[in-house]
Every structure is written in structure tokens, then in C-alpha cells.
Full PDB file with SEQRES, HELIX, SHEET, SSBOND, CRYST1, ORIGX, SCALE, CONECT and MASTER records, all heavy atoms in Angstrom:
SEQRES   1 A   39  SER LEU ASP ARG ARG GLN THR LEU GLY ILE VAL GLY GLU          
SEQRES   2 A   39  THR GLY ALA GLY LYS THR THR THR ALA LEU SER ILE LEU          
SEQRES   3 A   39  ARG LEU LEU PRO LYS PRO VAL GLY GLN ILE VAL SER GLY          
HELIX    1 AA1 LYS A   18  ILE A   25  1                                   8    
CRYST1    1.000    1.000    1.000  90.00  90.00  90.00 P 1           1          
ORIGX1      1.000000  0.000000  0.000000        0.00000                         
ORIGX2      0.000000  1.000000  0.000000        0.00000                         
ORIGX3      0.000000  0.000000  1.000000        0.00000                         
SCALE1      1.000000  0.000000  0.000000        0.00000                         
SCALE2      0.000000  1.000000  0.000000        0.00000                         
SCALE3      0.000000  0.000000  1.000000        0.00000                         
ATOM      1  N   SER A   1      27.020  24.113   6.055  1.00  0.00           N  
ATOM      2  CA  SER A   1      27.437  24.995   4.965  1.00  0.00           C  
ATOM      3  C   SER A   1      28.323  24.132   4.036  1.00  0.00           C  
ATOM      4  O   SER A   1      28.935  23.110   4.399  1.00  0.00           O  
ATOM      5  CB  SER A   1      28.340  26.250   5.535  1.00  0.00           C  
ATOM      6  OG  SER A   1      29.256  25.776   6.197  1.00  0.00           O  
ATOM      7  N   LEU A   2      28.575  24.723   2.832  1.00  0.00           N  
ATOM      8  CA  LEU A   2      29.182  24.084   1.725  1.00  0.00           C  
ATOM      9  C   LEU A   2      29.973  24.998   0.860  1.00  0.00           C  
ATOM     10  O   LEU A   2      29.312  25.877   0.392  1.00  0.00           O  
ATOM     11  CB  LEU A   2      28.221  23.088   0.995  1.00  0.00           C  
ATOM     12  CG  LEU A   2      28.784  22.141  -0.177  1.00  0.00           C  
ATOM     13  CD1 LEU A   2      29.852  21.159   0.316  1.00  0.00           C  
ATOM     14  CD2 LEU A   2      27.693  21.479  -0.862  1.00  0.00           C  
ATOM     15  N   ASP A   3      31.211  24.901   0.610  1.00  0.00           N  
ATOM     16  CA  ASP A   3      32.115  25.752  -0.168  1.00  0.00           C  
ATOM     17  C   ASP A   3      31.811  25.180  -1.630  1.00  0.00           C  
ATOM     18  O   ASP A   3      31.572  24.093  -1.809  1.00  0.00           O  
ATOM     19  CB  ASP A   3      33.443  25.701   0.251  1.00  0.00           C  
ATOM     20  CG  ASP A   3      33.701  26.694   1.484  1.00  0.00           C  
ATOM     21  OD1 ASP A   3      32.979  27.685   1.670  1.00  0.00           O  
ATOM     22  OD2 ASP A   3      34.602  26.400   2.275  1.00  0.00           O  
ATOM     23  N   ARG A   4      32.301  25.999  -2.609  1.00  0.00           N  
ATOM     24  CA  ARG A   4      32.350  25.717  -3.960  1.00  0.00           C  
ATOM     25  C   ARG A   4      33.428  24.554  -4.090  1.00  0.00           C  
ATOM     26  O   ARG A   4      34.392  24.499  -3.400  1.00  0.00           O  
ATOM     27  CB  ARG A   4      32.760  26.863  -4.838  1.00  0.00           C  
ATOM     28  CG  ARG A   4      31.695  27.865  -4.771  1.00  0.00           C  
ATOM     29  CD  ARG A   4      32.159  29.120  -5.489  1.00  0.00           C  
ATOM     30  NE  ARG A   4      31.277  30.272  -5.156  1.00  0.00           N  
ATOM     31  CZ  ARG A   4      29.965  30.392  -5.625  1.00  0.00           C  
ATOM     32  NH1 ARG A   4      29.480  29.578  -6.536  1.00  0.00           N  
ATOM     33  NH2 ARG A   4      29.258  31.400  -5.184  1.00  0.00           N  
ATOM     34  N   ARG A   5      33.144  23.587  -4.960  1.00  0.00           N  
ATOM     35  CA  ARG A   5      33.937  22.422  -5.373  1.00  0.00           C  
ATOM     36  C   ARG A   5      34.265  21.467  -4.088  1.00  0.00           C  
ATOM     37  O   ARG A   5      35.179  20.731  -4.141  1.00  0.00           O  
ATOM     38  CB  ARG A   5      35.311  22.905  -5.955  1.00  0.00           C  
ATOM     39  CG  ARG A   5      35.069  23.610  -7.224  1.00  0.00           C  
ATOM     40  CD  ARG A   5      36.342  24.080  -7.936  1.00  0.00           C  
ATOM     41  NE  ARG A   5      37.082  25.074  -7.341  1.00  0.00           N  
ATOM     42  CZ  ARG A   5      36.745  26.386  -7.402  1.00  0.00           C  
ATOM     43  NH1 ARG A   5      35.789  26.740  -8.199  1.00  0.00           N  
ATOM     44  NH2 ARG A   5      37.384  27.365  -6.755  1.00  0.00           N  
ATOM     45  N   GLN A   6      33.382  21.725  -3.066  1.00  0.00           N  
ATOM     46  CA  GLN A   6      33.636  20.775  -1.882  1.00  0.00           C  
ATOM     47  C   GLN A   6      32.549  19.610  -1.961  1.00  0.00           C  
ATOM     48  O   GLN A   6      31.593  19.912  -2.549  1.00  0.00           O  
ATOM     49  CB  GLN A   6      33.438  21.613  -0.639  1.00  0.00           C  
ATOM     50  CG  GLN A   6      34.168  21.139   0.686  1.00  0.00           C  
ATOM     51  CD  GLN A   6      33.916  22.259   1.705  1.00  0.00           C  
ATOM     52  OE1 GLN A   6      32.772  22.502   2.130  1.00  0.00           O  
ATOM     53  NE2 GLN A   6      34.987  22.960   2.120  1.00  0.00           N  
ATOM     54  N   THR A   7      32.972  18.479  -1.335  1.00  0.00           N  
ATOM     55  CA  THR A   7      31.833  17.469  -1.181  1.00  0.00           C  
ATOM     56  C   THR A   7      31.544  17.260   0.297  1.00  0.00           C  
ATOM     57  O   THR A   7      32.474  16.952   1.178  1.00  0.00           O  
ATOM     58  CB  THR A   7      32.357  16.034  -1.734  1.00  0.00           C  
ATOM     59  OG1 THR A   7      32.705  16.357  -3.156  1.00  0.00           O  
ATOM     60  CG2 THR A   7      31.288  15.040  -1.597  1.00  0.00           C  
ATOM     61  N   LEU A   8      30.345  17.358   0.675  1.00  0.00           N  
ATOM     62  CA  LEU A   8      29.854  17.167   2.088  1.00  0.00           C  
ATOM     63  C   LEU A   8      28.980  15.976   2.146  1.00  0.00           C  
ATOM     64  O   LEU A   8      28.154  15.718   1.364  1.00  0.00           O  
ATOM     65  CB  LEU A   8      29.019  18.378   2.465  1.00  0.00           C  
ATOM     66  CG  LEU A   8      28.211  18.234   3.849  1.00  0.00           C  
ATOM     67  CD1 LEU A   8      29.298  18.353   5.030  1.00  0.00           C  
ATOM     68  CD2 LEU A   8      27.321  19.300   4.061  1.00  0.00           C  
ATOM     69  N   GLY A   9      29.377  15.010   2.991  1.00  0.00           N  
ATOM     70  CA  GLY A   9      28.620  13.871   3.275  1.00  0.00           C  
ATOM     71  C   GLY A   9      27.553  13.994   4.309  1.00  0.00           C  
ATOM     72  O   GLY A   9      27.929  14.663   5.399  1.00  0.00           O  
ATOM     73  N   ILE A  10      26.335  13.518   4.099  1.00  0.00           N  
ATOM     74  CA  ILE A  10      25.334  13.494   5.184  1.00  0.00           C  
ATOM     75  C   ILE A  10      25.061  12.042   5.443  1.00  0.00           C  
ATOM     76  O   ILE A  10      24.485  11.429   4.625  1.00  0.00           O  
ATOM     77  CB  ILE A  10      24.139  14.319   4.778  1.00  0.00           C  
ATOM     78  CG1 ILE A  10      24.605  15.764   4.573  1.00  0.00           C  
ATOM     79  CG2 ILE A  10      23.198  14.348   6.040  1.00  0.00           C  
ATOM     80  CD1 ILE A  10      23.430  16.685   4.346  1.00  0.00           C  
ATOM     81  N   VAL A  11      25.351  11.569   6.728  1.00  0.00           N  
ATOM     82  CA  VAL A  11      25.230  10.114   7.072  1.00  0.00           C  
ATOM     83  C   VAL A  11      24.275   9.948   8.093  1.00  0.00           C  
ATOM     84  O   VAL A  11      24.119  10.661   8.981  1.00  0.00           O  
ATOM     85  CB  VAL A  11      26.573   9.634   7.484  1.00  0.00           C  
ATOM     86  CG1 VAL A  11      26.558   8.084   7.684  1.00  0.00           C  
ATOM     87  CG2 VAL A  11      27.788  10.085   6.604  1.00  0.00           C  
ATOM     88  N   GLY A  12      23.492   8.823   8.058  1.00  0.00           N  
ATOM     89  CA  GLY A  12      22.665   8.472   9.099  1.00  0.00           C  
ATOM     90  C   GLY A  12      21.589   7.313   8.553  1.00  0.00           C  
ATOM     91  O   GLY A  12      21.667   6.997   7.438  1.00  0.00           O  
ATOM     92  N   GLU A  13      20.913   6.867   9.541  1.00  0.00           N  
ATOM     93  CA  GLU A  13      19.992   5.711   9.202  1.00  0.00           C  
ATOM     94  C   GLU A  13      18.845   6.347   8.524  1.00  0.00           C  
ATOM     95  O   GLU A  13      18.485   7.506   8.425  1.00  0.00           O  
ATOM     96  CB  GLU A  13      19.502   5.037  10.556  1.00  0.00           C  
ATOM     97  CG  GLU A  13      20.516   4.175  11.299  1.00  0.00           C  
ATOM     98  CD  GLU A  13      19.938   3.943  12.681  1.00  0.00           C  
ATOM     99  OE1 GLU A  13      19.906   4.791  13.579  1.00  0.00           O  
ATOM    100  OE2 GLU A  13      19.503   2.730  12.745  1.00  0.00           O  
ATOM    101  N   THR A  14      17.943   5.422   7.917  1.00  0.00           N  
ATOM    102  CA  THR A  14      16.644   5.839   7.239  1.00  0.00           C  
ATOM    103  C   THR A  14      15.839   6.411   8.330  1.00  0.00           C  
ATOM    104  O   THR A  14      15.680   5.971   9.435  1.00  0.00           O  
ATOM    105  CB  THR A  14      15.916   4.517   6.686  1.00  0.00           C  
ATOM    106  OG1 THR A  14      16.823   4.018   5.693  1.00  0.00           O  
ATOM    107  CG2 THR A  14      14.642   4.990   6.146  1.00  0.00           C  
ATOM    108  N   GLY A  15      15.222   7.651   7.932  1.00  0.00           N  
ATOM    109  CA  GLY A  15      14.504   8.504   8.920  1.00  0.00           C  
ATOM    110  C   GLY A  15      15.262   9.437   9.661  1.00  0.00           C  
ATOM    111  O   GLY A  15      14.645  10.172  10.610  1.00  0.00           O  
ATOM    112  N   ALA A  16      16.462   9.663   9.367  1.00  0.00           N  
ATOM    113  CA  ALA A  16      17.307  10.674  10.065  1.00  0.00           C  
ATOM    114  C   ALA A  16      17.028  12.174   9.727  1.00  0.00           C  
ATOM    115  O   ALA A  16      17.251  12.972  10.449  1.00  0.00           O  
ATOM    116  CB  ALA A  16      18.717  10.317   9.918  1.00  0.00           C  
ATOM    117  N   GLY A  17      16.342  12.174   8.507  1.00  0.00           N  
ATOM    118  CA  GLY A  17      16.104  13.644   8.059  1.00  0.00           C  
ATOM    119  C   GLY A  17      16.931  14.008   6.885  1.00  0.00           C  
ATOM    120  O   GLY A  17      16.966  15.240   6.402  1.00  0.00           O  
ATOM    121  N   LYS A  18      17.807  13.100   6.335  1.00  0.00           N  
ATOM    122  CA  LYS A  18      18.777  13.510   5.314  1.00  0.00           C  
ATOM    123  C   LYS A  18      18.027  13.945   3.990  1.00  0.00           C  
ATOM    124  O   LYS A  18      18.305  15.011   3.414  1.00  0.00           O  
ATOM    125  CB  LYS A  18      19.685  12.305   4.933  1.00  0.00           C  
ATOM    126  CG  LYS A  18      20.270  11.668   6.202  1.00  0.00           C  
ATOM    127  CD  LYS A  18      21.267  10.599   5.745  1.00  0.00           C  
ATOM    128  CE  LYS A  18      20.667   9.402   5.005  1.00  0.00           C  
ATOM    129  NZ  LYS A  18      19.674   8.670   5.856  1.00  0.00           N  
ATOM    130  N   THR A  19      17.027  13.171   3.562  1.00  0.00           N  
ATOM    131  CA  THR A  19      16.362  13.395   2.243  1.00  0.00           C  
ATOM    132  C   THR A  19      15.429  14.733   2.521  1.00  0.00           C  
ATOM    133  O   THR A  19      15.374  15.577   1.484  1.00  0.00           O  
ATOM    134  CB  THR A  19      15.501  12.220   1.826  1.00  0.00           C  
ATOM    135  OG1 THR A  19      16.392  11.154   1.556  1.00  0.00           O  
ATOM    136  CG2 THR A  19      14.847  12.583   0.471  1.00  0.00           C  
ATOM    137  N   THR A  20      14.942  14.813   3.601  1.00  0.00           N  
ATOM    138  CA  THR A  20      14.087  15.947   3.905  1.00  0.00           C  
ATOM    139  C   THR A  20      14.981  17.443   3.755  1.00  0.00           C  
ATOM    140  O   THR A  20      14.417  18.278   3.145  1.00  0.00           O  
ATOM    141  CB  THR A  20      13.364  15.951   5.184  1.00  0.00           C  
ATOM    142  OG1 THR A  20      12.461  14.787   5.175  1.00  0.00           O  
ATOM    143  CG2 THR A  20      12.613  17.222   5.571  1.00  0.00           C  
ATOM    144  N   THR A  21      16.107  17.194   4.353  1.00  0.00           N  
ATOM    145  CA  THR A  21      16.980  18.423   4.229  1.00  0.00           C  
ATOM    146  C   THR A  21      17.268  18.785   2.687  1.00  0.00           C  
ATOM    147  O   THR A  21      17.258  19.921   2.283  1.00  0.00           O  
ATOM    148  CB  THR A  21      18.337  18.066   5.018  1.00  0.00           C  
ATOM    149  OG1 THR A  21      17.962  17.830   6.363  1.00  0.00           O  
ATOM    150  CG2 THR A  21      19.280  19.345   4.860  1.00  0.00           C  
ATOM    151  N   ALA A  22      17.552  17.657   1.957  1.00  0.00           N  
ATOM    152  CA  ALA A  22      17.954  17.947   0.535  1.00  0.00           C  
ATOM    153  C   ALA A  22      16.733  18.391  -0.202  1.00  0.00           C  
ATOM    154  O   ALA A  22      16.809  19.357  -1.051  1.00  0.00           O  
ATOM    155  CB  ALA A  22      18.265  16.593  -0.084  1.00  0.00           C  
ATOM    156  N   LEU A  23      15.480  17.949   0.013  1.00  0.00           N  
ATOM    157  CA  LEU A  23      14.265  18.357  -0.604  1.00  0.00           C  
ATOM    158  C   LEU A  23      14.009  19.779  -0.244  1.00  0.00           C  
ATOM    159  O   LEU A  23      13.392  20.520  -1.004  1.00  0.00           O  
ATOM    160  CB  LEU A  23      13.156  17.501  -0.353  1.00  0.00           C  
ATOM    161  CG  LEU A  23      13.135  15.974  -1.009  1.00  0.00           C  
ATOM    162  CD1 LEU A  23      11.999  15.182  -0.409  1.00  0.00           C  
ATOM    163  CD2 LEU A  23      13.274  15.996  -2.438  1.00  0.00           C  
ATOM    164  N   SER A  24      14.412  20.247   0.943  1.00  0.00           N  
ATOM    165  CA  SER A  24      14.093  21.596   1.361  1.00  0.00           C  
ATOM    166  C   SER A  24      15.026  22.617   0.590  1.00  0.00           C  
ATOM    167  O   SER A  24      14.594  23.725   0.226  1.00  0.00           O  
ATOM    168  CB  SER A  24      14.365  21.778   2.879  1.00  0.00           C  
ATOM    169  OG  SER A  24      13.627  20.921   3.659  1.00  0.00           O  
ATOM    170  N   ILE A  25      16.152  22.125   0.195  1.00  0.00           N  
ATOM    171  CA  ILE A  25      17.010  22.997  -0.601  1.00  0.00           C  
ATOM    172  C   ILE A  25      16.479  23.339  -1.874  1.00  0.00           C  
ATOM    173  O   ILE A  25      16.460  24.382  -2.443  1.00  0.00           O  
ATOM    174  CB  ILE A  25      18.416  22.331  -0.606  1.00  0.00           C  
ATOM    175  CG1 ILE A  25      19.153  22.211   0.645  1.00  0.00           C  
ATOM    176  CG2 ILE A  25      19.343  23.147  -1.628  1.00  0.00           C  
ATOM    177  CD1 ILE A  25      20.422  21.303   0.649  1.00  0.00           C  
ATOM    178  N   LEU A  26      15.881  22.288  -2.406  1.00  0.00           N  
ATOM    179  CA  LEU A  26      15.202  22.423  -3.761  1.00  0.00           C  
ATOM    180  C   LEU A  26      13.746  22.865  -3.627  1.00  0.00           C  
ATOM    181  O   LEU A  26      13.033  23.039  -4.750  1.00  0.00           O  
ATOM    182  CB  LEU A  26      15.167  21.033  -4.534  1.00  0.00           C  
ATOM    183  CG  LEU A  26      16.620  20.650  -5.013  1.00  0.00           C  
ATOM    184  CD1 LEU A  26      16.622  19.181  -5.400  1.00  0.00           C  
ATOM    185  CD2 LEU A  26      17.046  21.472  -6.221  1.00  0.00           C  
ATOM    186  N   ARG A  27      13.288  23.095  -2.461  1.00  0.00           N  
ATOM    187  CA  ARG A  27      11.839  23.429  -2.224  1.00  0.00           C  
ATOM    188  C   ARG A  27      10.949  22.409  -2.965  1.00  0.00           C  
ATOM    189  O   ARG A  27       9.932  22.807  -3.579  1.00  0.00           O  
ATOM    190  CB  ARG A  27      11.585  24.839  -2.769  1.00  0.00           C  
ATOM    191  CG  ARG A  27      12.354  26.055  -2.033  1.00  0.00           C  
ATOM    192  CD  ARG A  27      11.428  26.937  -1.350  1.00  0.00           C  
ATOM    193  NE  ARG A  27      10.257  27.381  -2.169  1.00  0.00           N  
ATOM    194  CZ  ARG A  27      10.186  28.639  -2.810  1.00  0.00           C  
ATOM    195  NH1 ARG A  27      11.245  29.526  -2.653  1.00  0.00           N  
ATOM    196  NH2 ARG A  27       9.135  28.896  -3.451  1.00  0.00           N  
ATOM    197  N   LEU A  28      11.178  21.136  -2.722  1.00  0.00           N  
ATOM    198  CA  LEU A  28      10.363  20.141  -3.272  1.00  0.00           C  
ATOM    199  C   LEU A  28       9.639  19.139  -2.284  1.00  0.00           C  
ATOM    200  O   LEU A  28       9.335  18.124  -2.401  1.00  0.00           O  
ATOM    201  CB  LEU A  28      11.245  19.182  -4.105  1.00  0.00           C  
ATOM    202  CG  LEU A  28      11.726  19.714  -5.479  1.00  0.00           C  
ATOM    203  CD1 LEU A  28      12.559  18.842  -6.222  1.00  0.00           C  
ATOM    204  CD2 LEU A  28      10.556  20.171  -6.381  1.00  0.00           C  
ATOM    205  N   LEU A  29       9.439  19.744  -1.002  1.00  0.00           N  
ATOM    206  CA  LEU A  29       8.710  19.036   0.011  1.00  0.00           C  
ATOM    207  C   LEU A  29       7.359  18.711  -0.460  1.00  0.00           C  
ATOM    208  O   LEU A  29       6.780  19.664  -1.125  1.00  0.00           O  
ATOM    209  CB  LEU A  29       8.714  19.853   1.320  1.00  0.00           C  
ATOM    210  CG  LEU A  29      10.177  20.061   1.974  1.00  0.00           C  
ATOM    211  CD1 LEU A  29       9.893  20.977   3.198  1.00  0.00           C  
ATOM    212  CD2 LEU A  29      10.532  18.591   2.545  1.00  0.00           C  
ATOM    213  N   PRO A  30       6.692  17.606  -0.167  1.00  0.00           N  
ATOM    214  CA  PRO A  30       5.396  17.235  -0.529  1.00  0.00           C  
ATOM    215  C   PRO A  30       4.393  18.280   0.061  1.00  0.00           C  
ATOM    216  O   PRO A  30       4.474  18.544   1.236  1.00  0.00           O  
ATOM    217  CB  PRO A  30       5.122  15.853  -0.032  1.00  0.00           C  
ATOM    218  CG  PRO A  30       6.219  15.633   1.056  1.00  0.00           C  
ATOM    219  CD  PRO A  30       7.330  16.542   0.632  1.00  0.00           C  
ATOM    220  N   LYS A  31       3.559  18.834  -0.754  1.00  0.00           N  
ATOM    221  CA  LYS A  31       2.612  19.832  -0.347  1.00  0.00           C  
ATOM    222  C   LYS A  31       1.207  19.127  -0.162  1.00  0.00           C  
ATOM    223  O   LYS A  31       0.870  18.212  -1.001  1.00  0.00           O  
ATOM    224  CB  LYS A  31       2.449  20.797  -1.298  1.00  0.00           C  
ATOM    225  CG  LYS A  31       3.780  21.711  -1.450  1.00  0.00           C  
ATOM    226  CD  LYS A  31       3.546  22.737  -2.427  1.00  0.00           C  
ATOM    227  CE  LYS A  31       4.894  23.558  -2.557  1.00  0.00           C  
ATOM    228  NZ  LYS A  31       4.750  24.685  -3.593  1.00  0.00           N  
ATOM    229  N   PRO A  32       0.390  19.501   0.800  1.00  0.00           N  
ATOM    230  CA  PRO A  32       0.648  20.552   1.725  1.00  0.00           C  
ATOM    231  C   PRO A  32       1.163  20.080   3.080  1.00  0.00           C  
ATOM    232  O   PRO A  32       1.395  20.918   4.028  1.00  0.00           O  
ATOM    233  CB  PRO A  32      -0.784  21.095   2.021  1.00  0.00           C  
ATOM    234  CG  PRO A  32      -1.637  19.938   1.881  1.00  0.00           C  
ATOM    235  CD  PRO A  32      -0.955  19.053   0.824  1.00  0.00           C  
ATOM    236  N   VAL A  33       1.599  18.850   3.163  1.00  0.00           N  
ATOM    237  CA  VAL A  33       1.983  18.249   4.532  1.00  0.00           C  
ATOM    238  C   VAL A  33       3.363  18.826   4.969  1.00  0.00           C  
ATOM    239  O   VAL A  33       3.666  19.087   6.110  1.00  0.00           O  
ATOM    240  CB  VAL A  33       1.927  16.780   4.560  1.00  0.00           C  
ATOM    241  CG1 VAL A  33       0.367  16.300   4.490  1.00  0.00           C  
ATOM    242  CG2 VAL A  33       2.811  16.193   3.495  1.00  0.00           C  
ATOM    243  N   GLY A  34       4.243  18.925   3.991  1.00  0.00           N  
ATOM    244  CA  GLY A  34       5.647  19.273   4.314  1.00  0.00           C  
ATOM    245  C   GLY A  34       5.850  20.784   4.391  1.00  0.00           C  
ATOM    246  O   GLY A  34       5.471  21.575   3.512  1.00  0.00           O  
ATOM    247  N   GLN A  35       6.276  21.212   5.657  1.00  0.00           N  
ATOM    248  CA  GLN A  35       6.304  22.672   5.844  1.00  0.00           C  
ATOM    249  C   GLN A  35       7.621  23.017   6.455  1.00  0.00           C  
ATOM    250  O   GLN A  35       8.201  22.377   7.376  1.00  0.00           O  
ATOM    251  CB  GLN A  35       5.207  23.155   6.737  1.00  0.00           C  
ATOM    252  CG  GLN A  35       3.854  22.797   6.265  1.00  0.00           C  
ATOM    253  CD  GLN A  35       2.785  23.141   7.321  1.00  0.00           C  
ATOM    254  OE1 GLN A  35       3.024  23.915   8.226  1.00  0.00           O  
ATOM    255  NE2 GLN A  35       1.586  22.690   7.126  1.00  0.00           N  
ATOM    256  N   ILE A  36       8.362  24.039   5.813  1.00  0.00           N  
ATOM    257  CA  ILE A  36       9.530  24.637   6.473  1.00  0.00           C  
ATOM    258  C   ILE A  36       9.125  25.564   7.614  1.00  0.00           C  
ATOM    259  O   ILE A  36       8.447  26.722   7.230  1.00  0.00           O  
ATOM    260  CB  ILE A  36      10.507  25.239   5.478  1.00  0.00           C  
ATOM    261  CG1 ILE A  36      10.943  24.176   4.515  1.00  0.00           C  
ATOM    262  CG2 ILE A  36      11.548  26.007   6.185  1.00  0.00           C  
ATOM    263  CD1 ILE A  36      11.697  24.762   3.299  1.00  0.00           C  
ATOM    264  N   VAL A  37       9.267  25.207   8.769  1.00  0.00           N  
ATOM    265  CA  VAL A  37       8.664  25.975   9.978  1.00  0.00           C  
ATOM    266  C   VAL A  37       9.533  27.199  10.284  1.00  0.00           C  
ATOM    267  O   VAL A  37       9.040  28.302  10.573  1.00  0.00           O  
ATOM    268  CB  VAL A  37       8.633  25.189  11.276  1.00  0.00           C  
ATOM    269  CG1 VAL A  37       8.104  25.913  12.346  1.00  0.00           C  
ATOM    270  CG2 VAL A  37       7.674  23.937  10.883  1.00  0.00           C  
ATOM    271  N   SER A  38      10.949  27.035  10.106  1.00  0.00           N  
ATOM    272  CA  SER A  38      11.864  28.115  10.380  1.00  0.00           C  
ATOM    273  C   SER A  38      13.107  27.917   9.727  1.00  0.00           C  
ATOM    274  O   SER A  38      13.452  26.795   9.479  1.00  0.00           O  
ATOM    275  CB  SER A  38      11.889  28.447  12.057  1.00  0.00           C  
ATOM    276  OG  SER A  38      12.550  27.242  12.515  1.00  0.00           O  
ATOM    277  N   GLY A  39      13.971  29.002   9.768  1.00  0.00           N  
ATOM    278  CA  GLY A  39      15.289  28.874   9.156  1.00  0.00           C  
ATOM    279  C   GLY A  39      15.520  29.526   7.859  1.00  0.00           C  
ATOM    280  O   GLY A  39      14.655  30.091   7.387  1.00  0.00           O  
TER     281      GLY A  39                                                      
MASTER        0    0    0    1    0    0    0    6  280    1    0    3          
END                                                                             
């Protein structure tokens, strides 16, 4: 979760899932292979 005016860092190696999480927020996952299964 993230409050207004707050900065949240997401850290990890390449392949950790950081960018996929971000693309999910914008609903920009590559179609048709990228699927939000639940949540």
C-alpha cells in the first residue's frame, strides 16, 4: 500500500517481479500472455 505524498521503494534483482507489478497497476501487461490471475 501507498499513502498520498509517500515514496515506496521496490527493490530486487532483475526478474524479481518489480516491473510486472508496476505494469499491472496500469493494466499494461503484454496481451494475451500476461494475465492477472487473482487479487
